[in-house]
Amino acid sequence: MKVLDSLKDEVKTRMKNDSAHDFQHIMRVYKNAQKIYKKENANEKLVLSAVLLHDIVSYPKSGNPSKISSIESAKKSKQILKKYDFTKEEIIIISDAIRDHSFSQNKIPNTLEGKILQDADRLDALGAIGIARVFATGGSLQRPFYNMNDPFCKRRTPDDKTWTIDHFFQKLLKLESSMNTKSGKEEAKKRTKILRIFLNQLKKEL
């Protein structure tokens, strides 16, 4: 589909050098979405266009604006899609999917395309790549790995703005239960197991 190739080229030139939210992240989510939409009989063009544009605006995780990245990405996606062969209805479906996909928005998308984008994006926060992204972000924000008195949040509320490991308990281990599609849930279960294996090994080493 030529329009997807054109969007890829445009997104690649616009993405910032953020190892957790860069063009490689986009392409991993793209691969996840390809597997899901085929099993869910969703619209390929709409799903993959939403994936390509879902992080077109990405504010640093260190500030409050990061919470509205998906909203700003949805707005920017409308401007970009108008340059290509998309109907008004298609643009609405794509931009709504982008707006609602983010974990911080705490929403379940209304459309199948939105649900697939959300699942595909959340899968990239799990498994081995999810672990790599957690520590890439923690390192860029100069956060220590863990709270020395309670590394695994047994007696306190997780605070991932202070300690990197807390992000597993504040967000990542919750993602499996929030998946929308059957295929998304199946893959999330496998990847969450990797997180638990990592945490169990970490406990032995601390």
C-alpha atoms as a PDB file:
ATOM      1  CA  MET A   1       0.000   0.000   0.000  1.00  0.00           C
ATOM      2  CA  LYS A   2       1.792   3.126  -1.260  1.00  0.00           C
ATOM      3  CA  VAL A   3       0.193   5.462   1.255  1.00  0.00           C
ATOM      4  CA  LEU A   4       1.717   3.486   4.135  1.00  0.00           C
ATOM      5  CA  ASP A   5       5.161   3.753   2.565  1.00  0.00           C
ATOM      6  CA  SER A   6       4.697   7.500   2.220  1.00  0.00           C
ATOM      7  CA  LEU A   7       3.601   7.809   5.851  1.00  0.00           C
ATOM      8  CA  LYS A   8       6.592   5.740   6.985  1.00  0.00           C
ATOM      9  CA  ASP A   9       8.957   8.098   5.184  1.00  0.00           C
ATOM     10  CA  GLU A  10       7.331  11.172   6.693  1.00  0.00           C
ATOM     11  CA  VAL A  11       7.208   9.760  10.212  1.00  0.00           C
ATOM     12  CA  LYS A  12      10.846   8.674  10.046  1.00  0.00           C
ATOM     13  CA  THR A  13      11.953  12.235   9.327  1.00  0.00           C
ATOM     14  CA  ARG A  14       9.835  13.644  12.155  1.00  0.00           C
ATOM     15  CA  MET A  15      10.691  11.227  14.995  1.00  0.00           C
ATOM     16  CA  LYS A  16      12.982  12.454  17.760  1.00  0.00           C
ATOM     17  CA  ASN A  17      16.052  10.592  18.989  1.00  0.00           C
ATOM     18  CA  ASP A  18      14.391   8.969  22.007  1.00  0.00           C
ATOM     19  CA  SER A  19      15.334   5.312  22.328  1.00  0.00           C
ATOM     20  CA  ALA A  20      12.030   4.436  24.033  1.00  0.00           C
ATOM     21  CA  HIS A  21       9.855   6.330  21.538  1.00  0.00           C
ATOM     22  CA  ASP A  22      11.806   6.420  18.293  1.00  0.00           C
ATOM     23  CA  PHE A  23      11.169   5.092  14.788  1.00  0.00           C
ATOM     24  CA  GLN A  24      12.293   1.620  15.866  1.00  0.00           C
ATOM     25  CA  HIS A  25       9.495   1.671  18.457  1.00  0.00           C
ATOM     26  CA  ILE A  26       7.041   2.645  15.727  1.00  0.00           C
ATOM     27  CA  MET A  27       8.116  -0.269  13.563  1.00  0.00           C
ATOM     28  CA  ARG A  28       7.903  -2.783  16.422  1.00  0.00           C
ATOM     29  CA  VAL A  29       4.352  -1.630  17.149  1.00  0.00           C
ATOM     30  CA  TYR A  30       3.682  -1.846  13.404  1.00  0.00           C
ATOM     31  CA  LYS A  31       4.809  -5.492  13.421  1.00  0.00           C
ATOM     32  CA  ASN A  32       2.635  -6.227  16.475  1.00  0.00           C
ATOM     33  CA  ALA A  33      -0.360  -4.599  14.808  1.00  0.00           C
ATOM     34  CA  GLN A  34       0.125  -6.594  11.604  1.00  0.00           C
ATOM     35  CA  LYS A  35      -0.163  -9.830  13.548  1.00  0.00           C
ATOM     36  CA  ILE A  36      -3.235  -8.663  15.452  1.00  0.00           C
ATOM     37  CA  TYR A  37      -5.289  -7.083  12.663  1.00  0.00           C
ATOM     38  CA  LYS A  38      -5.030 -10.203  10.517  1.00  0.00           C
ATOM     39  CA  LYS A  39      -6.513 -12.314  13.300  1.00  0.00           C
ATOM     40  CA  GLU A  40      -9.156  -9.734  14.181  1.00  0.00           C
ATOM     41  CA  ASN A  41     -10.220  -9.012  10.571  1.00  0.00           C
ATOM     42  CA  ALA A  42      -9.629  -5.286  10.963  1.00  0.00           C
ATOM     43  CA  ASN A  43      -8.972  -2.622   8.312  1.00  0.00           C
ATOM     44  CA  GLU A  44      -5.263  -2.795   7.437  1.00  0.00           C
ATOM     45  CA  LYS A  45      -4.971   0.749   6.111  1.00  0.00           C
ATOM     46  CA  LEU A  46      -6.611   2.357   9.129  1.00  0.00           C
ATOM     47  CA  VAL A  47      -4.803   0.254  11.746  1.00  0.00           C
ATOM     48  CA  LEU A  48      -1.326   0.679  10.299  1.00  0.00           C
ATOM     49  CA  SER A  49      -1.784   4.387   9.556  1.00  0.00           C
ATOM     50  CA  ALA A  50      -2.766   4.920  13.188  1.00  0.00           C
ATOM     51  CA  VAL A  51       0.297   2.978  14.298  1.00  0.00           C
ATOM     52  CA  LEU A  52       2.650   5.049  12.163  1.00  0.00           C
ATOM     53  CA  LEU A  53       1.301   8.331  13.537  1.00  0.00           C
ATOM     54  CA  HIS A  54       0.557   7.373  17.153  1.00  0.00           C
ATOM     55  CA  ASP A  55       3.713   9.007  18.582  1.00  0.00           C
ATOM     56  CA  ILE A  56       4.168  11.774  16.024  1.00  0.00           C
ATOM     57  CA  VAL A  57       4.165  14.161  19.009  1.00  0.00           C
ATOM     58  CA  SER A  58       6.045  12.770  22.004  1.00  0.00           C
ATOM     59  CA  TYR A  59       6.849  14.990  24.979  1.00  0.00           C
ATOM     60  CA  PRO A  60       9.595  13.988  27.455  1.00  0.00           C
ATOM     61  CA  LYS A  61       8.444  11.644  30.227  1.00  0.00           C
ATOM     62  CA  SER A  62       9.923  13.998  32.802  1.00  0.00           C
ATOM     63  CA  GLY A  63       7.200  16.620  32.391  1.00  0.00           C
ATOM     64  CA  ASN A  64       3.420  16.943  32.649  1.00  0.00           C
ATOM     65  CA  PRO A  65       2.972  17.577  28.885  1.00  0.00           C
ATOM     66  CA  SER A  66       3.830  13.903  28.297  1.00  0.00           C
ATOM     67  CA  LYS A  67       0.287  13.075  29.422  1.00  0.00           C
ATOM     68  CA  ILE A  68      -1.154  14.905  26.421  1.00  0.00           C
ATOM     69  CA  SER A  69       1.231  13.466  23.823  1.00  0.00           C
ATOM     70  CA  SER A  70      -1.515  11.242  22.394  1.00  0.00           C
ATOM     71  CA  ILE A  71      -3.944  14.171  22.168  1.00  0.00           C
ATOM     72  CA  GLU A  72      -1.390  16.302  20.338  1.00  0.00           C
ATOM     73  CA  SER A  73      -0.459  13.354  18.114  1.00  0.00           C
ATOM     74  CA  ALA A  74      -4.122  12.945  17.167  1.00  0.00           C
ATOM     75  CA  LYS A  75      -4.319  16.613  16.169  1.00  0.00           C
ATOM     76  CA  LYS A  76      -1.100  16.442  14.163  1.00  0.00           C
ATOM     77  CA  SER A  77      -2.221  13.228  12.462  1.00  0.00           C
ATOM     78  CA  LYS A  78      -5.277  14.995  11.044  1.00  0.00           C
ATOM     79  CA  GLN A  79      -3.039  17.582   9.392  1.00  0.00           C
ATOM     80  CA  ILE A  80      -0.758  14.932   7.928  1.00  0.00           C
ATOM     81  CA  LEU A  81      -3.531  12.611   6.699  1.00  0.00           C
ATOM     82  CA  LYS A  82      -5.203  15.418   4.780  1.00  0.00           C
ATOM     83  CA  LYS A  83      -2.214  15.358   2.420  1.00  0.00           C
ATOM     84  CA  TYR A  84      -2.916  11.757   1.485  1.00  0.00           C
ATOM     85  CA  ASP A  85      -5.819   9.732   0.123  1.00  0.00           C
ATOM     86  CA  PHE A  86      -7.961   9.487   3.263  1.00  0.00           C
ATOM     87  CA  THR A  87     -11.644  10.282   3.611  1.00  0.00           C
ATOM     88  CA  LYS A  88     -12.968  12.432   6.447  1.00  0.00           C
ATOM     89  CA  GLU A  89     -14.411   9.325   8.081  1.00  0.00           C
ATOM     90  CA  GLU A  90     -11.069   7.519   7.892  1.00  0.00           C
ATOM     91  CA  ILE A  91      -9.233  10.473   9.388  1.00  0.00           C
ATOM     92  CA  ILE A  92     -11.674  10.545  12.308  1.00  0.00           C
ATOM     93  CA  ILE A  93     -11.206   6.813  12.988  1.00  0.00           C
ATOM     94  CA  ILE A  94      -7.409   7.100  12.845  1.00  0.00           C
ATOM     95  CA  SER A  95      -7.125  10.249  14.957  1.00  0.00           C
ATOM     96  CA  ASP A  96      -9.579   8.949  17.572  1.00  0.00           C
ATOM     97  CA  ALA A  97      -7.566   5.720  17.829  1.00  0.00           C
ATOM     98  CA  ILE A  98      -4.391   7.738  18.402  1.00  0.00           C
ATOM     99  CA  ARG A  99      -6.035  10.019  20.952  1.00  0.00           C
ATOM    100  CA  ASP A 100      -7.362   7.160  23.072  1.00  0.00           C
ATOM    101  CA  HIS A 101      -4.502   4.627  22.880  1.00  0.00           C
ATOM    102  CA  SER A 102      -2.299   6.074  25.618  1.00  0.00           C
ATOM    103  CA  PHE A 103      -2.093   4.450  29.067  1.00  0.00           C
ATOM    104  CA  SER A 104      -2.203   7.880  30.686  1.00  0.00           C
ATOM    105  CA  GLN A 105      -5.559   8.637  29.030  1.00  0.00           C
ATOM    106  CA  ASN A 106      -7.089   5.634  30.829  1.00  0.00           C
ATOM    107  CA  LYS A 107      -9.538   4.951  28.005  1.00  0.00           C
ATOM    108  CA  ILE A 108     -10.751   1.933  26.063  1.00  0.00           C
ATOM    109  CA  PRO A 109     -10.933   2.934  22.374  1.00  0.00           C
ATOM    110  CA  ASN A 110     -14.359   2.766  20.755  1.00  0.00           C
ATOM    111  CA  THR A 111     -13.244   1.224  17.464  1.00  0.00           C
ATOM    112  CA  LEU A 112     -11.548  -2.069  16.651  1.00  0.00           C
ATOM    113  CA  GLU A 113      -8.739  -0.101  15.003  1.00  0.00           C
ATOM    114  CA  GLY A 114      -8.200   1.840  18.217  1.00  0.00           C
ATOM    115  CA  LYS A 115      -8.231  -1.313  20.315  1.00  0.00           C
ATOM    116  CA  ILE A 116      -5.603  -2.916  18.076  1.00  0.00           C
ATOM    117  CA  LEU A 117      -3.356   0.151  18.205  1.00  0.00           C
ATOM    118  CA  GLN A 118      -3.611   0.195  21.992  1.00  0.00           C
ATOM    119  CA  ASP A 119      -2.782  -3.525  22.240  1.00  0.00           C
ATOM    120  CA  ALA A 120       0.104  -3.324  19.768  1.00  0.00           C
ATOM    121  CA  ASP A 121       1.622  -0.345  21.569  1.00  0.00           C
ATOM    122  CA  ARG A 122       1.273  -1.943  25.011  1.00  0.00           C
ATOM    123  CA  LEU A 123       2.937  -5.129  23.819  1.00  0.00           C
ATOM    124  CA  ASP A 124       6.070  -3.083  23.142  1.00  0.00           C
ATOM    125  CA  ALA A 125       6.134  -2.175  26.852  1.00  0.00           C
ATOM    126  CA  LEU A 126       6.285  -5.868  27.788  1.00  0.00           C
ATOM    127  CA  GLY A 127       8.775  -8.703  27.339  1.00  0.00           C
ATOM    128  CA  ALA A 128      12.503  -8.265  26.766  1.00  0.00           C
ATOM    129  CA  ILE A 129      12.052  -5.088  24.721  1.00  0.00           C
ATOM    130  CA  GLY A 130       9.839  -3.645  27.444  1.00  0.00           C
ATOM    131  CA  ILE A 131      12.584  -4.193  30.017  1.00  0.00           C
ATOM    132  CA  ALA A 132      15.108  -2.502  27.723  1.00  0.00           C
ATOM    133  CA  ARG A 133      12.796   0.497  27.255  1.00  0.00           C
ATOM    134  CA  VAL A 134      12.192   0.880  30.993  1.00  0.00           C
ATOM    135  CA  PHE A 135      15.888   1.190  31.706  1.00  0.00           C
ATOM    136  CA  ALA A 136      16.537   3.384  28.674  1.00  0.00           C
ATOM    137  CA  THR A 137      13.945   5.840  29.979  1.00  0.00           C
ATOM    138  CA  GLY A 138      15.132   5.584  33.575  1.00  0.00           C
ATOM    139  CA  GLY A 139      18.706   6.202  32.496  1.00  0.00           C
ATOM    140  CA  SER A 140      17.818   9.223  30.374  1.00  0.00           C
ATOM    141  CA  LEU A 141      16.005  10.728  33.376  1.00  0.00           C
ATOM    142  CA  GLN A 142      18.871   9.812  35.745  1.00  0.00           C
ATOM    143  CA  ARG A 143      16.652   7.781  38.058  1.00  0.00           C
ATOM    144  CA  PRO A 144      18.151   5.139  40.365  1.00  0.00           C
ATOM    145  CA  PHE A 145      17.177   1.537  39.604  1.00  0.00           C
ATOM    146  CA  TYR A 146      15.337   0.877  42.871  1.00  0.00           C
ATOM    147  CA  ASN A 147      14.441   1.975  46.376  1.00  0.00           C
ATOM    148  CA  MET A 148      17.047   0.347  48.610  1.00  0.00           C
ATOM    149  CA  ASN A 149      14.645  -0.078  51.558  1.00  0.00           C
ATOM    150  CA  ASP A 150      11.827  -1.654  49.531  1.00  0.00           C
ATOM    151  CA  PRO A 151      12.913  -2.436  45.934  1.00  0.00           C
ATOM    152  CA  PHE A 152       9.732  -4.326  44.988  1.00  0.00           C
ATOM    153  CA  CYS A 153       7.083  -2.070  46.518  1.00  0.00           C
ATOM    154  CA  LYS A 154       6.014  -4.507  49.245  1.00  0.00           C
ATOM    155  CA  ARG A 155       5.284  -1.799  51.814  1.00  0.00           C
ATOM    156  CA  ARG A 156       4.795   1.344  49.759  1.00  0.00           C
ATOM    157  CA  THR A 157       2.993   2.761  46.740  1.00  0.00           C
ATOM    158  CA  PRO A 158       5.041   2.506  43.520  1.00  0.00           C
ATOM    159  CA  ASP A 159       6.614   5.781  42.403  1.00  0.00           C
ATOM    160  CA  ASP A 160       8.117   5.418  38.942  1.00  0.00           C
ATOM    161  CA  LYS A 161       9.024   9.094  38.790  1.00  0.00           C
ATOM    162  CA  THR A 162      11.663   8.337  41.415  1.00  0.00           C
ATOM    163  CA  TRP A 163      12.715   4.709  40.893  1.00  0.00           C
ATOM    164  CA  THR A 164      12.884   2.769  37.623  1.00  0.00           C
ATOM    165  CA  ILE A 165      11.845  -0.657  38.963  1.00  0.00           C
ATOM    166  CA  ASP A 166       8.656   0.897  40.353  1.00  0.00           C
ATOM    167  CA  HIS A 167       7.418   1.244  36.759  1.00  0.00           C
ATOM    168  CA  PHE A 168       6.906  -2.517  36.621  1.00  0.00           C
ATOM    169  CA  PHE A 169       4.472  -2.331  39.544  1.00  0.00           C
ATOM    170  CA  GLN A 170       2.875   1.001  38.662  1.00  0.00           C
ATOM    171  CA  LYS A 171       2.146   0.118  35.034  1.00  0.00           C
ATOM    172  CA  LEU A 172       3.747  -2.809  33.226  1.00  0.00           C
ATOM    173  CA  LEU A 173       2.395  -5.715  35.273  1.00  0.00           C
ATOM    174  CA  LYS A 174      -1.107  -4.269  34.868  1.00  0.00           C
ATOM    175  CA  LEU A 175      -1.075  -4.205  31.085  1.00  0.00           C
ATOM    176  CA  GLU A 176      -1.936  -7.865  30.515  1.00  0.00           C
ATOM    177  CA  SER A 177      -5.362  -7.442  32.138  1.00  0.00           C
ATOM    178  CA  SER A 178      -6.115  -4.335  30.048  1.00  0.00           C
ATOM    179  CA  MET A 179      -5.623  -5.861  26.594  1.00  0.00           C
ATOM    180  CA  ASN A 180      -8.576  -5.620  24.217  1.00  0.00           C
ATOM    181  CA  THR A 181      -8.170  -8.403  21.655  1.00  0.00           C
ATOM    182  CA  LYS A 182      -7.807 -12.151  22.051  1.00  0.00           C
ATOM    183  CA  SER A 183      -4.495 -12.248  20.183  1.00  0.00           C
ATOM    184  CA  GLY A 184      -3.246  -9.242  22.129  1.00  0.00           C
ATOM    185  CA  LYS A 185      -4.065 -10.931  25.418  1.00  0.00           C
ATOM    186  CA  GLU A 186      -2.307 -14.135  24.385  1.00  0.00           C
ATOM    187  CA  GLU A 187       0.912 -12.314  23.489  1.00  0.00           C
ATOM    188  CA  ALA A 188       0.742 -10.067  26.556  1.00  0.00           C
ATOM    189  CA  LYS A 189       0.569 -13.137  28.781  1.00  0.00           C
ATOM    190  CA  LYS A 190       3.776 -14.506  27.262  1.00  0.00           C
ATOM    191  CA  ARG A 191       5.592 -11.184  27.561  1.00  0.00           C
ATOM    192  CA  THR A 192       4.425 -10.518  31.114  1.00  0.00           C
ATOM    193  CA  LYS A 193       5.932 -13.863  32.091  1.00  0.00           C
ATOM    194  CA  ILE A 194       9.299 -12.502  30.915  1.00  0.00           C
ATOM    195  CA  LEU A 195       8.877  -9.487  33.222  1.00  0.00           C
ATOM    196  CA  ARG A 196       8.165 -11.740  36.200  1.00  0.00           C
ATOM    197  CA  ILE A 197      11.171 -13.943  35.434  1.00  0.00           C
ATOM    198  CA  PHE A 198      13.358 -10.844  35.314  1.00  0.00           C
ATOM    199  CA  LEU A 199      12.001  -9.502  38.622  1.00  0.00           C
ATOM    200  CA  ASN A 200      12.448 -12.877  40.325  1.00  0.00           C
ATOM    201  CA  GLN A 201      16.060 -13.036  39.150  1.00  0.00           C
ATOM    202  CA  LEU A 202      16.626  -9.457  40.292  1.00  0.00           C
ATOM    203  CA  LYS A 203      15.370 -10.351  43.772  1.00  0.00           C
ATOM    204  CA  LYS A 204      18.018 -13.078  43.998  1.00  0.00           C
ATOM    205  CA  GLU A 205      20.733 -10.623  43.049  1.00  0.00           C
ATOM    206  CA  LEU A 206      19.892  -7.755  45.401  1.00  0.00           C
END
